[in-house]
PDB file of all heavy atoms in Angstrom:
ATOM      1  N   TYR A   1     197.841  71.944 173.553  1.00  0.00           N
ATOM      2  CA  TYR A   1     198.244  70.918 174.525  1.00  0.00           C
ATOM      3  C   TYR A   1     198.340  71.518 175.892  1.00  0.00           C
ATOM      4  O   TYR A   1     197.819  70.942 176.847  1.00  0.00           O
ATOM      5  CB  TYR A   1     199.525  70.161 174.020  1.00  0.00           C
ATOM      6  CG  TYR A   1     200.084  69.318 175.020  1.00  0.00           C
ATOM      7  CD1 TYR A   1     199.485  68.009 175.304  1.00  0.00           C
ATOM      8  CD2 TYR A   1     201.153  69.647 175.721  1.00  0.00           C
ATOM      9  CE1 TYR A   1     200.014  67.141 176.180  1.00  0.00           C
ATOM     10  CE2 TYR A   1     201.782  68.695 176.680  1.00  0.00           C
ATOM     11  CZ  TYR A   1     201.188  67.514 176.860  1.00  0.00           C
ATOM     12  OH  TYR A   1     201.661  66.585 177.775  1.00  0.00           O
ATOM     13  N   GLN A   2     199.040  72.711 175.991  1.00  0.00           N
ATOM     14  CA  GLN A   2     199.286  73.157 177.287  1.00  0.00           C
ATOM     15  C   GLN A   2     198.007  73.702 178.010  1.00  0.00           C
ATOM     16  O   GLN A   2     197.787  73.561 179.231  1.00  0.00           O
ATOM     17  CB  GLN A   2     200.341  74.301 177.255  1.00  0.00           C
ATOM     18  CG  GLN A   2     201.726  73.953 176.792  1.00  0.00           C
ATOM     19  CD  GLN A   2     202.275  73.020 178.005  1.00  0.00           C
ATOM     20  OE1 GLN A   2     201.969  73.011 179.100  1.00  0.00           O
ATOM     21  NE2 GLN A   2     203.288  72.096 177.610  1.00  0.00           N
ATOM     22  N   ARG A   3     197.072  74.125 177.296  1.00  0.00           N
ATOM     23  CA  ARG A   3     195.843  74.672 177.795  1.00  0.00           C
ATOM     24  C   ARG A   3     195.009  73.490 178.304  1.00  0.00           C
ATOM     25  O   ARG A   3     194.374  73.457 179.335  1.00  0.00           O
ATOM     26  CB  ARG A   3     194.992  75.500 176.842  1.00  0.00           C
ATOM     27  CG  ARG A   3     194.009  76.321 177.593  1.00  0.00           C
ATOM     28  CD  ARG A   3     192.896  76.874 176.815  1.00  0.00           C
ATOM     29  NE  ARG A   3     193.291  77.684 175.735  1.00  0.00           N
ATOM     30  CZ  ARG A   3     192.450  78.402 174.994  1.00  0.00           C
ATOM     31  NH1 ARG A   3     191.183  78.407 175.246  1.00  0.00           N
ATOM     32  NH2 ARG A   3     192.867  79.158 174.031  1.00  0.00           N
ATOM     33  N   VAL A   4     194.986  72.385 177.521  1.00  0.00           N
ATOM     34  CA  VAL A   4     194.302  71.203 177.987  1.00  0.00           C
ATOM     35  C   VAL A   4     194.887  70.625 179.273  1.00  0.00           C
ATOM     36  O   VAL A   4     194.154  70.386 180.256  1.00  0.00           O
ATOM     37  CB  VAL A   4     194.339  70.085 176.835  1.00  0.00           C
ATOM     38  CG1 VAL A   4     193.804  68.749 177.421  1.00  0.00           C
ATOM     39  CG2 VAL A   4     193.605  70.553 175.619  1.00  0.00           C
ATOM     40  N   ILE A   5     196.219  70.530 179.325  1.00  0.00           N
ATOM     41  CA  ILE A   5     196.811  69.973 180.500  1.00  0.00           C
ATOM     42  C   ILE A   5     196.475  70.837 181.790  1.00  0.00           C
ATOM     43  O   ILE A   5     196.270  70.453 182.842  1.00  0.00           O
ATOM     44  CB  ILE A   5     198.406  69.984 180.386  1.00  0.00           C
ATOM     45  CG1 ILE A   5     198.758  68.888 179.253  1.00  0.00           C
ATOM     46  CG2 ILE A   5     199.131  69.639 181.674  1.00  0.00           C
ATOM     47  CD1 ILE A   5     198.408  67.485 179.702  1.00  0.00           C
ATOM     48  N   GLY A   6     196.657  72.236 181.487  1.00  0.00           N
ATOM     49  CA  GLY A   6     196.433  73.186 182.620  1.00  0.00           C
ATOM     50  C   GLY A   6     194.934  73.143 183.142  1.00  0.00           C
ATOM     51  O   GLY A   6     194.750  73.432 184.275  1.00  0.00           O
ATOM     52  N   ARG A   7     194.063  73.076 182.188  1.00  0.00           N
ATOM     53  CA  ARG A   7     192.675  73.167 182.529  1.00  0.00           C
ATOM     54  C   ARG A   7     192.063  71.976 183.109  1.00  0.00           C
ATOM     55  O   ARG A   7     191.331  72.049 184.108  1.00  0.00           O
ATOM     56  CB  ARG A   7     191.875  73.569 181.218  1.00  0.00           C
ATOM     57  CG  ARG A   7     190.424  73.861 181.451  1.00  0.00           C
ATOM     58  CD  ARG A   7     190.256  75.156 182.211  1.00  0.00           C
ATOM     59  NE  ARG A   7     188.831  75.571 182.331  1.00  0.00           N
ATOM     60  CZ  ARG A   7     188.327  76.324 183.167  1.00  0.00           C
ATOM     61  NH1 ARG A   7     189.110  76.951 184.108  1.00  0.00           N
ATOM     62  NH2 ARG A   7     187.071  76.559 183.254  1.00  0.00           N
ATOM     63  N   ILE A   8     192.417  70.858 182.600  1.00  0.00           N
ATOM     64  CA  ILE A   8     191.777  69.567 183.167  1.00  0.00           C
ATOM     65  C   ILE A   8     192.572  68.736 184.092  1.00  0.00           C
ATOM     66  O   ILE A   8     192.119  67.942 184.828  1.00  0.00           O
ATOM     67  CB  ILE A   8     191.299  68.623 181.904  1.00  0.00           C
ATOM     68  CG1 ILE A   8     192.374  67.997 181.287  1.00  0.00           C
ATOM     69  CG2 ILE A   8     190.381  69.383 180.998  1.00  0.00           C
ATOM     70  CD1 ILE A   8     191.946  66.940 180.186  1.00  0.00           C
ATOM     71  N   GLY A   9     193.927  68.978 184.054  1.00  0.00           N
ATOM     72  CA  GLY A   9     194.796  68.218 184.861  1.00  0.00           C
ATOM     73  C   GLY A   9     194.475  68.266 186.401  1.00  0.00           C
ATOM     74  O   GLY A   9     194.304  67.282 187.045  1.00  0.00           O
ATOM     75  N   PRO A  10     194.541  69.510 186.994  1.00  0.00           N
ATOM     76  CA  PRO A  10     194.332  69.558 188.480  1.00  0.00           C
ATOM     77  C   PRO A  10     192.999  69.010 188.958  1.00  0.00           C
ATOM     78  O   PRO A  10     193.059  68.274 189.908  1.00  0.00           O
ATOM     79  CB  PRO A  10     194.459  71.152 188.680  1.00  0.00           C
ATOM     80  CG  PRO A  10     195.234  71.618 187.599  1.00  0.00           C
ATOM     81  CD  PRO A  10     194.905  70.804 186.361  1.00  0.00           C
ATOM     82  N   PRO A  11     191.867  69.304 188.285  1.00  0.00           N
ATOM     83  CA  PRO A  11     190.640  68.646 188.929  1.00  0.00           C
ATOM     84  C   PRO A  11     190.526  67.219 188.720  1.00  0.00           C
ATOM     85  O   PRO A  11     190.043  66.487 189.484  1.00  0.00           O
ATOM     86  CB  PRO A  11     189.517  69.359 188.137  1.00  0.00           C
ATOM     87  CG  PRO A  11     190.148  69.922 186.897  1.00  0.00           C
ATOM     88  CD  PRO A  11     191.565  70.285 187.252  1.00  0.00           C
ATOM     89  N   ILE A  12     191.074  66.613 187.642  1.00  0.00           N
ATOM     90  CA  ILE A  12     191.008  65.230 187.470  1.00  0.00           C
ATOM     91  C   ILE A  12     191.996  64.510 188.453  1.00  0.00           C
ATOM     92  O   ILE A  12     191.636  63.510 189.087  1.00  0.00           O
ATOM     93  CB  ILE A  12     191.425  64.730 185.953  1.00  0.00           C
ATOM     94  CG1 ILE A  12     190.475  65.395 185.012  1.00  0.00           C
ATOM     95  CG2 ILE A  12     191.531  63.267 185.876  1.00  0.00           C
ATOM     96  CD1 ILE A  12     190.719  65.174 183.575  1.00  0.00           C
ATOM     97  N   GLU A  13     193.185  64.984 188.601  1.00  0.00           N
ATOM     98  CA  GLU A  13     194.161  64.486 189.619  1.00  0.00           C
ATOM     99  C   GLU A  13     193.612  64.561 190.977  1.00  0.00           C
ATOM    100  O   GLU A  13     193.785  63.671 191.748  1.00  0.00           O
ATOM    101  CB  GLU A  13     195.468  65.242 189.514  1.00  0.00           C
ATOM    102  CG  GLU A  13     196.578  64.588 190.312  1.00  0.00           C
ATOM    103  CD  GLU A  13     197.983  65.218 190.065  1.00  0.00           C
ATOM    104  OE1 GLU A  13     197.978  66.409 189.643  1.00  0.00           O
ATOM    105  OE2 GLU A  13     198.936  64.534 190.317  1.00  0.00           O
ATOM    106  N   ALA A  14     192.936  65.646 191.346  1.00  0.00           N
ATOM    107  CA  ALA A  14     192.308  65.809 192.671  1.00  0.00           C
ATOM    108  C   ALA A  14     191.212  64.819 192.922  1.00  0.00           C
ATOM    109  O   ALA A  14     191.084  64.352 194.096  1.00  0.00           O
ATOM    110  CB  ALA A  14     191.788  67.213 192.898  1.00  0.00           C
ATOM    111  N   GLY A  15     190.428  64.560 191.843  1.00  0.00           N
ATOM    112  CA  GLY A  15     189.310  63.665 192.137  1.00  0.00           C
ATOM    113  C   GLY A  15     189.492  62.192 191.797  1.00  0.00           C
ATOM    114  O   GLY A  15     188.808  61.304 192.422  1.00  0.00           O
ATOM    115  N   CYS A  16     190.438  61.867 190.882  1.00  0.00           N
ATOM    116  CA  CYS A  16     190.650  60.446 190.529  1.00  0.00           C
ATOM    117  C   CYS A  16     192.076  60.423 189.956  1.00  0.00           C
ATOM    118  O   CYS A  16     192.235  60.362 188.744  1.00  0.00           O
ATOM    119  CB  CYS A  16     189.613  59.966 189.501  1.00  0.00           C
ATOM    120  SG  CYS A  16     189.664  58.252 189.003  1.00  0.00           S
ATOM    121  N   PRO A  17     193.038  60.238 190.842  1.00  0.00           N
ATOM    122  CA  PRO A  17     194.445  60.241 190.336  1.00  0.00           C
ATOM    123  C   PRO A  17     194.735  59.168 189.304  1.00  0.00           C
ATOM    124  O   PRO A  17     195.587  59.478 188.433  1.00  0.00           O
ATOM    125  CB  PRO A  17     195.244  60.030 191.647  1.00  0.00           C
ATOM    126  CG  PRO A  17     194.359  60.536 192.700  1.00  0.00           C
ATOM    127  CD  PRO A  17     192.968  60.190 192.336  1.00  0.00           C
ATOM    128  N   ALA A  18     194.198  57.958 189.484  1.00  0.00           N
ATOM    129  CA  ALA A  18     194.471  56.984 188.538  1.00  0.00           C
ATOM    130  C   ALA A  18     193.947  57.375 187.023  1.00  0.00           C
ATOM    131  O   ALA A  18     194.613  57.047 186.032  1.00  0.00           O
ATOM    132  CB  ALA A  18     193.816  55.692 188.930  1.00  0.00           C
ATOM    133  N   LEU A  19     192.862  58.067 186.982  1.00  0.00           N
ATOM    134  CA  LEU A  19     192.396  58.444 185.674  1.00  0.00           C
ATOM    135  C   LEU A  19     193.310  59.476 185.150  1.00  0.00           C
ATOM    136  O   LEU A  19     193.631  59.513 183.920  1.00  0.00           O
ATOM    137  CB  LEU A  19     191.013  59.070 185.895  1.00  0.00           C
ATOM    138  CG  LEU A  19     190.308  59.711 184.609  1.00  0.00           C
ATOM    139  CD1 LEU A  19     190.155  58.615 183.470  1.00  0.00           C
ATOM    140  CD2 LEU A  19     188.989  60.234 184.988  1.00  0.00           C
ATOM    141  N   TRP A  20     193.855  60.381 185.940  1.00  0.00           N
ATOM    142  CA  TRP A  20     194.761  61.485 185.397  1.00  0.00           C
ATOM    143  C   TRP A  20     196.108  60.821 184.935  1.00  0.00           C
ATOM    144  O   TRP A  20     196.661  61.223 183.886  1.00  0.00           O
ATOM    145  CB  TRP A  20     195.040  62.558 186.433  1.00  0.00           C
ATOM    146  CG  TRP A  20     195.995  63.518 185.859  1.00  0.00           C
ATOM    147  CD1 TRP A  20     197.143  63.978 186.432  1.00  0.00           C
ATOM    148  CD2 TRP A  20     195.846  64.382 184.687  1.00  0.00           C
ATOM    149  NE1 TRP A  20     197.797  64.883 185.675  1.00  0.00           N
ATOM    150  CE2 TRP A  20     197.013  65.153 184.569  1.00  0.00           C
ATOM    151  CE3 TRP A  20     194.924  64.393 183.722  1.00  0.00           C
ATOM    152  CZ2 TRP A  20     197.227  66.008 183.475  1.00  0.00           C
ATOM    153  CZ3 TRP A  20     195.099  65.219 182.585  1.00  0.00           C
ATOM    154  CH2 TRP A  20     196.233  66.090 182.490  1.00  0.00           C
ATOM    155  N   GLU A  21     196.577  59.858 185.717  1.00  0.00           N
ATOM    156  CA  GLU A  21     197.718  59.185 185.283  1.00  0.00           C
ATOM    157  C   GLU A  21     197.629  58.527 183.829  1.00  0.00           C
ATOM    158  O   GLU A  21     198.459  58.583 183.010  1.00  0.00           O
ATOM    159  CB  GLU A  21     198.094  58.046 186.329  1.00  0.00           C
ATOM    160  CG  GLU A  21     199.481  57.306 185.948  1.00  0.00           C
ATOM    161  CD  GLU A  21     199.799  56.272 187.094  1.00  0.00           C
ATOM    162  OE1 GLU A  21     199.026  56.272 187.945  1.00  0.00           O
ATOM    163  OE2 GLU A  21     200.840  55.665 186.953  1.00  0.00           O
ATOM    164  N   TYR A  22     196.445  57.905 183.632  1.00  0.00           N
ATOM    165  CA  TYR A  22     196.112  57.369 182.313  1.00  0.00           C
ATOM    166  C   TYR A  22     196.109  58.459 181.240  1.00  0.00           C
ATOM    167  O   TYR A  22     196.793  58.303 180.189  1.00  0.00           O
ATOM    168  CB  TYR A  22     194.893  56.511 182.310  1.00  0.00           C
ATOM    169  CG  TYR A  22     194.341  56.208 180.901  1.00  0.00           C
ATOM    170  CD1 TYR A  22     194.887  55.073 180.259  1.00  0.00           C
ATOM    171  CD2 TYR A  22     193.340  56.898 180.355  1.00  0.00           C
ATOM    172  CE1 TYR A  22     194.355  54.799 178.985  1.00  0.00           C
ATOM    173  CE2 TYR A  22     192.912  56.620 179.089  1.00  0.00           C
ATOM    174  CZ  TYR A  22     193.401  55.564 178.383  1.00  0.00           C
ATOM    175  OH  TYR A  22     192.962  55.282 177.173  1.00  0.00           O
ATOM    176  N   LEU A  23     195.333  59.442 181.583  1.00  0.00           N
ATOM    177  CA  LEU A  23     195.082  60.512 180.534  1.00  0.00           C
ATOM    178  C   LEU A  23     196.431  61.273 180.205  1.00  0.00           C
ATOM    179  O   LEU A  23     196.641  61.634 179.085  1.00  0.00           O
ATOM    180  CB  LEU A  23     194.040  61.443 181.041  1.00  0.00           C
ATOM    181  CG  LEU A  23     192.623  61.280 180.550  1.00  0.00           C
ATOM    182  CD1 LEU A  23     191.697  62.289 181.200  1.00  0.00           C
ATOM    183  CD2 LEU A  23     192.545  61.364 179.035  1.00  0.00           C
ATOM    184  N   ARG A  24     197.206  61.568 181.274  1.00  0.00           N
ATOM    185  CA  ARG A  24     198.360  62.344 181.038  1.00  0.00           C
ATOM    186  C   ARG A  24     199.306  61.571 180.008  1.00  0.00           C
ATOM    187  O   ARG A  24     199.873  62.265 179.126  1.00  0.00           O
ATOM    188  CB  ARG A  24     199.115  62.514 182.334  1.00  0.00           C
ATOM    189  CG  ARG A  24     200.353  63.478 182.210  1.00  0.00           C
ATOM    190  CD  ARG A  24     200.889  63.733 183.590  1.00  0.00           C
ATOM    191  NE  ARG A  24     201.074  62.554 184.433  1.00  0.00           N
ATOM    192  CZ  ARG A  24     201.385  62.525 185.738  1.00  0.00           C
ATOM    193  NH1 ARG A  24     201.520  63.641 186.365  1.00  0.00           N
ATOM    194  NH2 ARG A  24     201.507  61.381 186.400  1.00  0.00           N
ATOM    195  N   GLY A  25     199.444  60.312 180.137  1.00  0.00           N
ATOM    196  CA  GLY A  25     200.209  59.542 179.188  1.00  0.00           C
ATOM    197  C   GLY A  25     199.609  59.619 177.749  1.00  0.00           C
ATOM    198  O   GLY A  25     200.397  59.796 176.756  1.00  0.00           O
ATOM    199  N   ARG A  26     198.341  59.451 177.612  1.00  0.00           N
ATOM    200  CA  ARG A  26     197.684  59.385 176.385  1.00  0.00           C
ATOM    201  C   ARG A  26     197.840  60.816 175.695  1.00  0.00           C
ATOM    202  O   ARG A  26     198.094  60.975 174.515  1.00  0.00           O
ATOM    203  CB  ARG A  26     196.228  59.074 176.490  1.00  0.00           C
ATOM    204  CG  ARG A  26     195.921  57.678 176.779  1.00  0.00           C
ATOM    205  CD  ARG A  26     196.250  56.715 175.565  1.00  0.00           C
ATOM    206  NE  ARG A  26     195.667  57.275 174.303  1.00  0.00           N
ATOM    207  CZ  ARG A  26     194.356  57.177 173.904  1.00  0.00           C
ATOM    208  NH1 ARG A  26     193.577  56.441 174.649  1.00  0.00           N
ATOM    209  NH2 ARG A  26     194.021  57.650 172.720  1.00  0.00           N
ATOM    210  N   LEU A  27     197.592  61.888 176.482  1.00  0.00           N
ATOM    211  CA  LEU A  27     197.729  63.233 175.923  1.00  0.00           C
ATOM    212  C   LEU A  27     199.214  63.511 175.356  1.00  0.00           C
ATOM    213  O   LEU A  27     199.337  64.094 174.432  1.00  0.00           O
ATOM    214  CB  LEU A  27     197.328  64.275 176.884  1.00  0.00           C
ATOM    215  CG  LEU A  27     195.839  64.256 177.398  1.00  0.00           C
ATOM    216  CD1 LEU A  27     195.637  65.103 178.604  1.00  0.00           C
ATOM    217  CD2 LEU A  27     194.973  64.705 176.233  1.00  0.00           C
ATOM    218  N   ALA A  28     200.014  63.085 176.181  1.00  0.00           N
ATOM    219  CA  ALA A  28     201.571  63.251 175.696  1.00  0.00           C
ATOM    220  C   ALA A  28     201.799  62.529 174.409  1.00  0.00           C
ATOM    221  O   ALA A  28     202.463  63.046 173.566  1.00  0.00           O
ATOM    222  CB  ALA A  28     202.432  62.826 176.816  1.00  0.00           C
ATOM    223  N   GLU A  29     201.265  61.361 174.337  1.00  0.00           N
ATOM    224  CA  GLU A  29     201.465  60.551 173.102  1.00  0.00           C
ATOM    225  C   GLU A  29     200.913  61.212 171.909  1.00  0.00           C
ATOM    226  O   GLU A  29     201.440  61.327 170.828  1.00  0.00           O
ATOM    227  CB  GLU A  29     200.907  59.142 173.235  1.00  0.00           C
ATOM    228  CG  GLU A  29     201.581  58.226 174.114  1.00  0.00           C
ATOM    229  CD  GLU A  29     200.789  56.949 174.398  1.00  0.00           C
ATOM    230  OE1 GLU A  29     199.929  56.667 173.577  1.00  0.00           O
ATOM    231  OE2 GLU A  29     201.075  56.182 175.353  1.00  0.00           O
ATOM    232  N   GLU A  30     199.638  61.737 172.058  1.00  0.00           N
ATOM    233  CA  GLU A  30     198.902  62.305 170.900  1.00  0.00           C
ATOM    234  C   GLU A  30     199.375  63.709 170.610  1.00  0.00           C
ATOM    235  O   GLU A  30     199.135  64.218 169.453  1.00  0.00           O
ATOM    236  CB  GLU A  30     197.360  62.374 171.184  1.00  0.00           C
ATOM    237  CG  GLU A  30     196.757  61.041 171.684  1.00  0.00           C
ATOM    238  CD  GLU A  30     197.219  59.827 170.836  1.00  0.00           C
ATOM    239  OE1 GLU A  30     197.458  60.028 169.632  1.00  0.00           O
ATOM    240  OE2 GLU A  30     197.290  58.704 171.320  1.00  0.00           O
ATOM    241  N   ASN A  31     200.081  64.394 171.517  1.00  0.00           N
ATOM    242  CA  ASN A  31     200.600  65.641 171.196  1.00  0.00           C
ATOM    243  C   ASN A  31     201.680  65.504 170.136  1.00  0.00           C
ATOM    244  O   ASN A  31     201.850  66.448 169.304  1.00  0.00           O
ATOM    245  CB  ASN A  31     201.322  66.217 172.530  1.00  0.00           C
ATOM    246  CG  ASN A  31     201.738  67.692 172.259  1.00  0.00           C
ATOM    247  OD1 ASN A  31     201.236  68.440 171.562  1.00  0.00           O
ATOM    248  ND2 ASN A  31     202.812  67.973 172.994  1.00  0.00           N
ATOM    249  N   GLU A  32     202.318  64.375 170.162  1.00  0.00           N
ATOM    250  CA  GLU A  32     203.313  64.174 169.062  1.00  0.00           C
ATOM    251  C   GLU A  32     202.683  64.014 167.626  1.00  0.00           C
ATOM    252  O   GLU A  32     203.409  64.255 166.642  1.00  0.00           O
ATOM    253  CB  GLU A  32     204.130  62.861 169.410  1.00  0.00           C
ATOM    254  CG  GLU A  32     204.904  62.977 170.815  1.00  0.00           C
ATOM    255  CD  GLU A  32     205.866  64.094 170.734  1.00  0.00           C
ATOM    256  OE1 GLU A  32     206.586  64.347 169.757  1.00  0.00           O
ATOM    257  OE2 GLU A  32     206.109  64.705 171.915  1.00  0.00           O
TER     258      GLU A  32
END
């Protein structure tokens, strides 16, 4: 989970913040 967040988070947030806001929530849910 941490590698996914660290690898894809910064470029997605830089290019499309709304998409990262959606994905970050989904990733946190599925980590559980």
